[in-house]
C-alpha cells in the first residue's frame, strides 16, 4: 500500500466514525429531550417541575398578605372589645 492509500483509508475511517458518532449524539439528545419533556420550563401548560417555584413564590406572597390582613382584623377586634368594655 502506498502512503496515499493509507492516508485515504485513515481519513475514510475517521469520516465514517465521525458520522456514526454524530448520529449517536443526535439520537441520545432526542432521547434525553423526550425523557425530560415534563420537567422543561413552559411545557405542559405551566405544570412542569421548573414552574413549581413560581407557584410557591406566588403562594408565599398570598399567605403573607392574608396573614397581615388577619393580624389587622385581630387588632381591630381587640380595639373594639376594649372600647366596648370602656362603655360598660
Protein backbone atom coordinates (compact mmCIF):
# COMPACT_ATOMS: atom_id res chain seq x y z
CA UNK A 1 0.00 0.00 0.00
CA UNK A 2 1.23 3.42 -0.83
CA UNK A 3 1.19 6.26 1.67
CA UNK A 4 -1.66 7.90 -0.26
CA UNK A 5 -3.78 4.76 0.06
CA UNK A 6 -3.06 4.54 3.81
CA UNK A 7 -3.95 8.22 4.30
CA UNK A 8 -7.16 7.72 2.30
CA UNK A 9 -8.08 4.68 4.37
CA UNK A 10 -7.43 6.52 7.64
CA UNK A 11 -9.42 9.57 6.50
CA UNK A 12 -12.28 7.37 5.31
CA UNK A 13 -12.36 5.52 8.61
CA UNK A 14 -12.28 8.78 10.59
CA UNK A 15 -15.07 10.24 8.43
CA UNK A 16 -17.29 7.20 8.93
CA UNK A 17 -16.61 7.22 12.67
CA UNK A 18 -17.41 10.94 12.81
CA UNK A 19 -20.72 10.41 11.03
CA UNK A 20 -21.61 7.49 13.31
CA UNK A 21 -20.69 9.40 16.47
CA UNK A 22 -22.64 12.45 15.27
CA UNK A 23 -25.70 10.28 14.63
CA UNK A 24 -25.30 8.63 18.04
CA UNK A 25 -25.07 12.06 19.71
CA UNK A 26 -28.21 13.25 17.90
CA UNK A 27 -30.07 10.07 18.92
CA UNK A 28 -29.02 10.45 22.58
CA UNK A 29 -30.03 14.13 22.54
CA UNK A 30 -33.51 13.32 21.22
CA UNK A 31 -33.96 10.58 23.83
CA UNK A 32 -32.95 12.96 26.64
CA UNK A 33 -35.32 15.66 25.38
CA UNK A 34 -38.17 13.18 25.19
CA UNK A 35 -37.45 11.77 28.64
CA UNK A 36 -37.21 15.19 30.32
CA UNK A 37 -40.04 16.92 28.47
CA UNK A 38 -42.30 17.05 31.54
CA UNK A 39 -39.71 18.92 33.61
CA UNK A 40 -38.77 21.50 30.98
CA UNK A 41 -39.86 25.10 31.57
CA UNK A 42 -43.05 26.33 29.90
CA UNK A 43 -44.18 22.88 28.86
CA UNK A 44 -47.39 21.16 29.78
CA UNK A 45 -49.31 24.40 30.42
CA UNK A 46 -47.30 25.51 33.44
CA UNK A 47 -47.40 22.17 35.23
CA UNK A 48 -43.73 21.32 34.72
CA UNK A 49 -41.33 20.93 37.60
CA UNK A 50 -39.43 24.10 36.83
CA UNK A 51 -42.66 26.13 37.05
CA UNK A 52 -43.22 24.96 40.62
CA UNK A 53 -41.06 27.63 42.25
CA UNK A 54 -43.11 30.40 40.61
CA UNK A 55 -46.28 28.95 42.05
CA UNK A 56 -44.74 28.54 45.50
CA UNK A 57 -43.48 32.14 45.42
CA UNK A 58 -46.97 33.37 44.49
CA UNK A 59 -48.47 31.30 47.32
CA UNK A 60 -45.97 32.78 49.77
CA UNK A 61 -46.92 36.31 48.75
CA UNK A 62 -50.63 35.48 49.06
CA UNK A 63 -50.13 33.92 52.50
CA UNK A 64 -48.18 36.97 53.69
CA UNK A 65 -50.98 39.27 52.56
CA UNK A 66 -53.56 37.03 54.25
CA UNK A 67 -51.53 36.89 57.47
CA UNK A 68 -51.24 40.68 57.59
CA UNK A 69 -54.99 41.04 57.00
CA UNK A 70 -55.81 38.59 59.80
CA UNK A 71 -53.46 40.36 62.21
CA UNK A 72 -55.03 43.70 61.34
CA UNK A 73 -58.52 42.29 61.92
CA UNK A 74 -57.45 40.83 65.26
CA UNK A 75 -56.10 44.22 66.31
CA UNK A 76 -59.39 45.85 65.26
CA UNK A 77 -61.40 43.30 67.25
CA UNK A 78 -59.21 43.84 70.33
CA UNK A 79 -59.64 47.60 69.99
CA UNK A 80 -63.43 47.23 69.66
CA UNK A 81 -63.58 44.95 72.72
CA UNK A 82 -61.55 47.48 74.68
CA UNK A 83 -63.89 50.29 73.56
CA UNK A 84 -66.99 48.25 74.46
CA UNK A 85 -65.57 47.48 77.92
CA UNK A 86 -64.95 51.20 78.38
CA UNK A 87 -68.59 51.97 77.62
CA UNK A 88 -69.90 49.42 80.11
